[in-house]
């Protein structure tokens, strides 16, 4: 089995509607939908209505459930 060395989750903020499906479906709570905060140092994607999706890639296990539940197909996941 190939060892996954890095997981990169990318959210296209211009098409994400902030529906919260990915946050609810994530089994490890790696995603959070919150109010956009430009001062945060976490990986953040600004989406519609002044909201942002914050990704904790240290917690993400790359299962891809967030991709499957996104109705806008705004999420991509890459691994090395």
PDB file of N, CA and C in Angstrom:
ATOM      1  N   UNK A   1       0.841  -1.181   0.000  1.00  0.00           N
ATOM      2  CA  UNK A   1       0.000   0.000   0.000  1.00  0.00           C
ATOM      3  C   UNK A   1       0.884   1.242   0.000  1.00  0.00           C
ATOM      4  N   UNK A   2       0.578   2.187  -0.881  1.00  0.00           N
ATOM      5  CA  UNK A   2       1.336   3.417  -1.000  1.00  0.00           C
ATOM      6  C   UNK A   2       1.009   4.344   0.161  1.00  0.00           C
ATOM      7  N   UNK A   3       2.026   4.898   0.766  1.00  0.00           N
ATOM      8  CA  UNK A   3       1.824   5.813   1.870  1.00  0.00           C
ATOM      9  C   UNK A   3       1.500   7.204   1.336  1.00  0.00           C
ATOM     10  N   UNK A   4       0.438   7.800   1.845  1.00  0.00           N
ATOM     11  CA  UNK A   4       0.067   9.161   1.463  1.00  0.00           C
ATOM     12  C   UNK A   4       0.900  10.122   2.304  1.00  0.00           C
ATOM     13  N   UNK A   5       1.655  10.987   1.653  1.00  0.00           N
ATOM     14  CA  UNK A   5       2.537  11.878   2.387  1.00  0.00           C
ATOM     15  C   UNK A   5       1.929  13.249   2.632  1.00  0.00           C
ATOM     16  N   UNK A   6       1.031  13.662   1.766  1.00  0.00           N
ATOM     17  CA  UNK A   6       0.429  14.976   1.964  1.00  0.00           C
ATOM     18  C   UNK A   6      -0.945  15.005   1.309  1.00  0.00           C
ATOM     19  N   UNK A   7      -1.843  15.703   1.942  1.00  0.00           N
ATOM     20  CA  UNK A   7      -3.194  15.865   1.416  1.00  0.00           C
ATOM     21  C   UNK A   7      -3.438  17.354   1.275  1.00  0.00           C
ATOM     22  N   UNK A   8      -3.906  17.743   0.111  1.00  0.00           N
ATOM     23  CA  UNK A   8      -4.225  19.149  -0.123  1.00  0.00           C
ATOM     24  C   UNK A   8      -5.676  19.251  -0.575  1.00  0.00           C
ATOM     25  N   UNK A   9      -6.462  19.924   0.201  1.00  0.00           N
ATOM     26  CA  UNK A   9      -7.868  20.148  -0.103  1.00  0.00           C
ATOM     27  C   UNK A   9      -8.001  21.567  -0.637  1.00  0.00           C
ATOM     28  N   UNK A  10      -8.678  21.719  -1.757  1.00  0.00           N
ATOM     29  CA  UNK A  10      -8.851  23.030  -2.356  1.00  0.00           C
ATOM     30  C   UNK A  10     -10.338  23.276  -2.577  1.00  0.00           C
ATOM     31  N   UNK A  11     -10.806  24.439  -2.190  1.00  0.00           N
ATOM     32  CA  UNK A  11     -12.205  24.816  -2.369  1.00  0.00           C
ATOM     33  C   UNK A  11     -12.250  26.050  -3.255  1.00  0.00           C
ATOM     34  N   UNK A  12     -13.008  25.954  -4.337  1.00  0.00           N
ATOM     35  CA  UNK A  12     -13.150  27.094  -5.240  1.00  0.00           C
ATOM     36  C   UNK A  12     -14.207  28.029  -4.653  1.00  0.00           C
ATOM     37  N   UNK A  13     -13.722  29.056  -3.984  1.00  0.00           N
ATOM     38  CA  UNK A  13     -14.603  29.973  -3.276  1.00  0.00           C
ATOM     39  C   UNK A  13     -15.611  30.692  -4.151  1.00  0.00           C
ATOM     40  N   UNK A  14     -15.289  30.878  -5.414  1.00  0.00           N
ATOM     41  CA  UNK A  14     -16.213  31.610  -6.278  1.00  0.00           C
ATOM     42  C   UNK A  14     -17.434  30.781  -6.670  1.00  0.00           C
ATOM     43  N   UNK A  15     -17.377  29.449  -6.523  1.00  0.00           N
ATOM     44  CA  UNK A  15     -18.551  28.639  -6.837  1.00  0.00           C
ATOM     45  C   UNK A  15     -19.143  27.949  -5.611  1.00  0.00           C
ATOM     46  N   UNK A  16     -18.424  27.940  -4.497  1.00  0.00           N
ATOM     47  CA  UNK A  16     -18.952  27.359  -3.256  1.00  0.00           C
ATOM     48  C   UNK A  16     -20.077  28.255  -2.736  1.00  0.00           C
ATOM     49  N   UNK A  17     -21.197  27.649  -2.398  1.00  0.00           N
ATOM     50  CA  UNK A  17     -22.339  28.415  -1.891  1.00  0.00           C
ATOM     51  C   UNK A  17     -22.382  28.455  -0.370  1.00  0.00           C
ATOM     52  N   UNK A  18     -21.478  27.757   0.284  1.00  0.00           N
ATOM     53  CA  UNK A  18     -21.489  27.711   1.741  1.00  0.00           C
ATOM     54  C   UNK A  18     -22.650  26.894   2.285  1.00  0.00           C
ATOM     55  N   UNK A  19     -23.028  25.848   1.573  1.00  0.00           N
ATOM     56  CA  UNK A  19     -24.199  25.045   1.967  1.00  0.00           C
ATOM     57  C   UNK A  19     -23.957  24.239   3.233  1.00  0.00           C
ATOM     58  N   UNK A  20     -22.696  24.025   3.608  1.00  0.00           N
ATOM     59  CA  UNK A  20     -22.339  23.328   4.841  1.00  0.00           C
ATOM     60  C   UNK A  20     -22.374  21.803   4.700  1.00  0.00           C
ATOM     61  N   UNK A  21     -22.693  21.266   3.525  1.00  0.00           N
ATOM     62  CA  UNK A  21     -22.740  19.807   3.361  1.00  0.00           C
ATOM     63  C   UNK A  21     -21.403  19.153   3.686  1.00  0.00           C
ATOM     64  N   UNK A  22     -20.310  19.744   3.222  1.00  0.00           N
ATOM     65  CA  UNK A  22     -18.992  19.149   3.448  1.00  0.00           C
ATOM     66  C   UNK A  22     -18.633  19.139   4.931  1.00  0.00           C
ATOM     67  N   UNK A  23     -18.992  20.195   5.618  1.00  0.00           N
ATOM     68  CA  UNK A  23     -18.691  20.295   7.046  1.00  0.00           C
ATOM     69  C   UNK A  23     -19.445  19.216   7.825  1.00  0.00           C
ATOM     70  N   UNK A  24     -20.713  19.052   7.515  1.00  0.00           N
ATOM     71  CA  UNK A  24     -21.543  18.062   8.214  1.00  0.00           C
ATOM     72  C   UNK A  24     -21.074  16.640   7.908  1.00  0.00           C
ATOM     73  N   UNK A  25     -20.669  16.390   6.659  1.00  0.00           N
ATOM     74  CA  UNK A  25     -20.306  15.036   6.245  1.00  0.00           C
ATOM     75  C   UNK A  25     -18.909  14.606   6.689  1.00  0.00           C
ATOM     76  N   UNK A  26     -18.037  15.540   6.988  1.00  0.00           N
ATOM     77  CA  UNK A  26     -16.643  15.196   7.325  1.00  0.00           C
ATOM     78  C   UNK A  26     -16.602  14.351   8.602  1.00  0.00           C
ATOM     79  N   UNK A  27     -16.065  13.114   8.514  1.00  0.00           N
ATOM     80  CA  UNK A  27     -16.055  12.232   9.682  1.00  0.00           C
ATOM     81  C   UNK A  27     -15.011  12.598  10.731  1.00  0.00           C
ATOM     82  N   UNK A  28     -14.068  13.489  10.380  1.00  0.00           N
ATOM     83  CA  UNK A  28     -13.013  13.834  11.337  1.00  0.00           C
ATOM     84  C   UNK A  28     -13.026  15.322  11.713  1.00  0.00           C
ATOM     85  N   UNK A  29     -14.083  16.024  11.328  1.00  0.00           N
ATOM     86  CA  UNK A  29     -14.227  17.450  11.663  1.00  0.00           C
ATOM     87  C   UNK A  29     -13.047  18.299  11.185  1.00  0.00           C
ATOM     88  N   UNK A  30     -12.608  18.034   9.951  1.00  0.00           N
ATOM     89  CA  UNK A  30     -11.496  18.804   9.395  1.00  0.00           C
ATOM     90  C   UNK A  30     -11.951  20.108   8.747  1.00  0.00           C
ATOM     91  N   UNK A  31     -13.262  20.269   8.583  1.00  0.00           N
ATOM     92  CA  UNK A  31     -13.794  21.467   7.923  1.00  0.00           C
ATOM     93  C   UNK A  31     -14.686  22.231   8.878  1.00  0.00           C
ATOM     94  N   UNK A  32     -14.653  23.544   8.715  1.00  0.00           N
ATOM     95  CA  UNK A  32     -15.504  24.409   9.538  1.00  0.00           C
ATOM     96  C   UNK A  32     -16.033  25.536   8.663  1.00  0.00           C
ATOM     97  N   UNK A  33     -17.333  25.802   8.743  1.00  0.00           N
ATOM     98  CA  UNK A  33     -17.931  26.942   8.049  1.00  0.00           C
ATOM     99  C   UNK A  33     -18.108  28.037   9.083  1.00  0.00           C
ATOM    100  N   UNK A  34     -17.502  29.180   8.807  1.00  0.00           N
ATOM    101  CA  UNK A  34     -17.501  30.247   9.796  1.00  0.00           C
ATOM    102  C   UNK A  34     -17.566  31.603   9.097  1.00  0.00           C
ATOM    103  N   UNK A  35     -17.554  32.645   9.856  1.00  0.00           N
ATOM    104  CA  UNK A  35     -17.501  33.998   9.311  1.00  0.00           C
ATOM    105  C   UNK A  35     -16.070  34.250   8.825  1.00  0.00           C
ATOM    106  N   UNK A  36     -15.945  34.851   7.646  1.00  0.00           N
ATOM    107  CA  UNK A  36     -14.614  35.125   7.100  1.00  0.00           C
ATOM    108  C   UNK A  36     -13.816  36.009   8.049  1.00  0.00           C
ATOM    109  N   UNK A  37     -12.562  35.622   8.294  1.00  0.00           N
ATOM    110  CA  UNK A  37     -11.684  36.379   9.175  1.00  0.00           C
ATOM    111  C   UNK A  37     -10.321  36.474   8.506  1.00  0.00           C
ATOM    112  N   UNK A  38     -10.009  37.634   7.905  1.00  0.00           N
ATOM    113  CA  UNK A  38      -8.741  37.757   7.189  1.00  0.00           C
ATOM    114  C   UNK A  38      -7.514  37.644   8.086  1.00  0.00           C
ATOM    115  N   UNK A  39      -7.671  37.756   9.389  1.00  0.00           N
ATOM    116  CA  UNK A  39      -6.532  37.701  10.296  1.00  0.00           C
ATOM    117  C   UNK A  39      -6.122  36.276  10.666  1.00  0.00           C
ATOM    118  N   UNK A  40      -6.969  35.280  10.349  1.00  0.00           N
ATOM    119  CA  UNK A  40      -6.634  33.920  10.745  1.00  0.00           C
ATOM    120  C   UNK A  40      -5.451  33.385   9.946  1.00  0.00           C
ATOM    121  N   UNK A  41      -4.673  32.533  10.561  1.00  0.00           N
ATOM    122  CA  UNK A  41      -3.511  31.933   9.895  1.00  0.00           C
ATOM    123  C   UNK A  41      -3.830  30.546   9.366  1.00  0.00           C
ATOM    124  N   UNK A  42      -5.074  30.067   9.576  1.00  0.00           N
ATOM    125  CA  UNK A  42      -5.466  28.756   9.093  1.00  0.00           C
ATOM    126  C   UNK A  42      -5.783  28.838   7.599  1.00  0.00           C
ATOM    127  N   UNK A  43      -5.746  27.685   6.916  1.00  0.00           N
ATOM    128  CA  UNK A  43      -6.073  27.619   5.491  1.00  0.00           C
ATOM    129  C   UNK A  43      -7.560  27.886   5.344  1.00  0.00           C
ATOM    130  N   UNK A  44      -7.889  29.026   4.735  1.00  0.00           N
ATOM    131  CA  UNK A  44      -9.266  29.494   4.679  1.00  0.00           C
ATOM    132  C   UNK A  44      -9.653  29.830   3.245  1.00  0.00           C
ATOM    133  N   UNK A  45     -10.896  29.462   2.893  1.00  0.00           N
ATOM    134  CA  UNK A  45     -11.435  29.786   1.578  1.00  0.00           C
ATOM    135  C   UNK A  45     -12.674  30.637   1.771  1.00  0.00           C
ATOM    136  N   UNK A  46     -12.632  31.866   1.316  1.00  0.00           N
ATOM    137  CA  UNK A  46     -13.797  32.734   1.415  1.00  0.00           C
ATOM    138  C   UNK A  46     -14.841  32.288   0.416  1.00  0.00           C
ATOM    139  N   UNK A  47     -16.077  32.173   0.871  1.00  0.00           N
ATOM    140  CA  UNK A  47     -17.185  31.748   0.018  1.00  0.00           C
ATOM    141  C   UNK A  47     -18.271  32.811   0.063  1.00  0.00           C
ATOM    142  N   UNK A  48     -19.442  32.500  -0.410  1.00  0.00           N
ATOM    143  CA  UNK A  48     -20.507  33.493  -0.506  1.00  0.00           C
ATOM    144  C   UNK A  48     -20.985  33.982   0.856  1.00  0.00           C
ATOM    145  N   UNK A  49     -21.620  35.123   0.849  1.00  0.00           N
ATOM    146  CA  UNK A  49     -22.305  35.693   2.015  1.00  0.00           C
ATOM    147  C   UNK A  49     -21.383  35.975   3.198  1.00  0.00           C
ATOM    148  N   UNK A  50     -20.124  36.322   2.939  1.00  0.00           N
ATOM    149  CA  UNK A  50     -19.202  36.676   4.015  1.00  0.00           C
ATOM    150  C   UNK A  50     -18.762  35.503   4.862  1.00  0.00           C
ATOM    151  N   UNK A  51     -18.992  34.296   4.377  1.00  0.00           N
ATOM    152  CA  UNK A  51     -18.591  33.101   5.115  1.00  0.00           C
ATOM    153  C   UNK A  51     -17.262  32.579   4.569  1.00  0.00           C
ATOM    154  N   UNK A  52     -16.685  31.650   5.315  1.00  0.00           N
ATOM    155  CA  UNK A  52     -15.442  31.029   4.895  1.00  0.00           C
ATOM    156  C   UNK A  52     -15.430  29.582   5.353  1.00  0.00           C
ATOM    157  N   UNK A  53     -14.777  28.741   4.555  1.00  0.00           N
ATOM    158  CA  UNK A  53     -14.548  27.357   4.957  1.00  0.00           C
ATOM    159  C   UNK A  53     -13.096  27.267   5.410  1.00  0.00           C
ATOM    160  N   UNK A  54     -12.904  26.807   6.637  1.00  0.00           N
ATOM    161  CA  UNK A  54     -11.573  26.647   7.195  1.00  0.00           C
ATOM    162  C   UNK A  54     -11.232  25.160   7.156  1.00  0.00           C
ATOM    163  N   UNK A  55     -10.047  24.854   6.618  1.00  0.00           N
ATOM    164  CA  UNK A  55      -9.615  23.464   6.465  1.00  0.00           C
ATOM    165  C   UNK A  55      -8.448  23.189   7.408  1.00  0.00           C
ATOM    166  N   UNK A  56      -8.581  22.149   8.204  1.00  0.00           N
ATOM    167  CA  UNK A  56      -7.484  21.695   9.054  1.00  0.00           C
ATOM    168  C   UNK A  56      -6.886  20.460   8.391  1.00  0.00           C
ATOM    169  N   UNK A  57      -5.852  20.668   7.580  1.00  0.00           N
ATOM    170  CA  UNK A  57      -5.264  19.558   6.829  1.00  0.00           C
ATOM    171  C   UNK A  57      -4.476  18.603   7.710  1.00  0.00           C
ATOM    172  N   UNK A  58      -4.159  19.000   8.924  1.00  0.00           N
ATOM    173  CA  UNK A  58      -3.509  18.080   9.856  1.00  0.00           C
ATOM    174  C   UNK A  58      -4.478  16.990  10.305  1.00  0.00           C
ATOM    175  N   UNK A  59      -5.766  17.282  10.255  1.00  0.00           N
ATOM    176  CA  UNK A  59      -6.794  16.336  10.688  1.00  0.00           C
ATOM    177  C   UNK A  59      -7.374  15.559   9.506  1.00  0.00           C
ATOM    178  N   UNK A  60      -7.447  16.202   8.326  1.00  0.00           N
ATOM    179  CA  UNK A  60      -8.042  15.584   7.131  1.00  0.00           C
ATOM    180  C   UNK A  60      -7.335  14.266   6.806  1.00  0.00           C
ATOM    181  N   UNK A  61      -8.135  13.207   6.592  1.00  0.00           N
ATOM    182  CA  UNK A  61      -7.551  11.913   6.246  1.00  0.00           C
ATOM    183  C   UNK A  61      -7.686  11.595   4.757  1.00  0.00           C
ATOM    184  N   UNK A  62      -8.214  12.536   3.985  1.00  0.00           N
ATOM    185  CA  UNK A  62      -8.304  12.355   2.538  1.00  0.00           C
ATOM    186  C   UNK A  62      -9.354  11.368   2.081  1.00  0.00           C
ATOM    187  N   UNK A  63     -10.383  11.152   2.864  1.00  0.00           N
ATOM    188  CA  UNK A  63     -11.410  10.155   2.524  1.00  0.00           C
ATOM    189  C   UNK A  63     -12.240  10.567   1.307  1.00  0.00           C
ATOM    190  N   UNK A  64     -12.363  11.864   1.032  1.00  0.00           N
ATOM    191  CA  UNK A  64     -13.078  12.336  -0.147  1.00  0.00           C
ATOM    192  C   UNK A  64     -14.581  12.464   0.007  1.00  0.00           C
ATOM    193  N   UNK A  65     -15.099  12.242   1.188  1.00  0.00           N
ATOM    194  CA  UNK A  65     -16.544  12.363   1.395  1.00  0.00           C
ATOM    195  C   UNK A  65     -17.009  13.783   1.083  1.00  0.00           C
ATOM    196  N   UNK A  66     -16.216  14.784   1.420  1.00  0.00           N
ATOM    197  CA  UNK A  66     -16.596  16.175   1.159  1.00  0.00           C
ATOM    198  C   UNK A  66     -16.799  16.417  -0.337  1.00  0.00           C
ATOM    199  N   UNK A  67     -15.976  15.785  -1.159  1.00  0.00           N
ATOM    200  CA  UNK A  67     -16.126  15.926  -2.610  1.00  0.00           C
ATOM    201  C   UNK A  67     -17.454  15.348  -3.075  1.00  0.00           C
ATOM    202  N   UNK A  68     -17.810  14.200  -2.526  1.00  0.00           N
ATOM    203  CA  UNK A  68     -19.024  13.503  -2.960  1.00  0.00           C
ATOM    204  C   UNK A  68     -20.296  14.249  -2.576  1.00  0.00           C
ATOM    205  N   UNK A  69     -20.286  14.981  -1.467  1.00  0.00           N
ATOM    206  CA  UNK A  69     -21.513  15.643  -1.010  1.00  0.00           C
ATOM    207  C   UNK A  69     -21.627  17.083  -1.498  1.00  0.00           C
ATOM    208  N   UNK A  70     -20.589  17.612  -2.129  1.00  0.00           N
ATOM    209  CA  UNK A  70     -20.621  18.992  -2.605  1.00  0.00           C
ATOM    210  C   UNK A  70     -21.495  19.104  -3.859  1.00  0.00           C
ATOM    211  N   UNK A  71     -22.649  19.787  -3.784  1.00  0.00           N
ATOM    212  CA  UNK A  71     -23.523  19.885  -4.945  1.00  0.00           C
ATOM    213  C   UNK A  71     -22.946  20.773  -6.052  1.00  0.00           C
ATOM    214  N   UNK A  72     -22.010  21.636  -5.710  1.00  0.00           N
ATOM    215  CA  UNK A  72     -21.408  22.555  -6.695  1.00  0.00           C
ATOM    216  C   UNK A  72     -20.109  22.014  -7.284  1.00  0.00           C
ATOM    217  N   UNK A  73     -19.615  20.887  -6.756  1.00  0.00           N
ATOM    218  CA  UNK A  73     -18.328  20.319  -7.180  1.00  0.00           C
ATOM    219  C   UNK A  73     -17.223  21.369  -7.047  1.00  0.00           C
ATOM    220  N   UNK A  74     -17.227  22.033  -5.905  1.00  0.00           N
ATOM    221  CA  UNK A  74     -16.284  23.121  -5.656  1.00  0.00           C
ATOM    222  C   UNK A  74     -15.019  22.649  -4.946  1.00  0.00           C
ATOM    223  N   UNK A  75     -14.949  21.357  -4.605  1.00  0.00           N
ATOM    224  CA  UNK A  75     -13.826  20.848  -3.814  1.00  0.00           C
ATOM    225  C   UNK A  75     -12.984  19.901  -4.656  1.00  0.00           C
ATOM    226  N   UNK A  76     -11.674  20.062  -4.550  1.00  0.00           N
ATOM    227  CA  UNK A  76     -10.745  19.101  -5.136  1.00  0.00           C
ATOM    228  C   UNK A  76      -9.793  18.642  -4.042  1.00  0.00           C
ATOM    229  N   UNK A  77      -9.331  17.422  -4.195  1.00  0.00           N
ATOM    230  CA  UNK A  77      -8.435  16.819  -3.205  1.00  0.00           C
ATOM    231  C   UNK A  77      -7.271  16.202  -3.947  1.00  0.00           C
ATOM    232  N   UNK A  78      -6.078  16.545  -3.543  1.00  0.00           N
ATOM    233  CA  UNK A  78      -4.895  15.951  -4.161  1.00  0.00           C
ATOM    234  C   UNK A  78      -4.035  15.321  -3.079  1.00  0.00           C
ATOM    235  N   UNK A  79      -3.338  14.280  -3.457  1.00  0.00           N
ATOM    236  CA  UNK A  79      -2.431  13.616  -2.529  1.00  0.00           C
ATOM    237  C   UNK A  79      -1.112  13.372  -3.234  1.00  0.00           C
ATOM    238  N   UNK A  80      -0.081  13.243  -2.453  1.00  0.00           N
ATOM    239  CA  UNK A  80       1.252  12.936  -3.019  1.00  0.00           C
ATOM    240  C   UNK A  80       1.611  11.515  -2.683  1.00  0.00           C
TER     241      UNK A  80
END
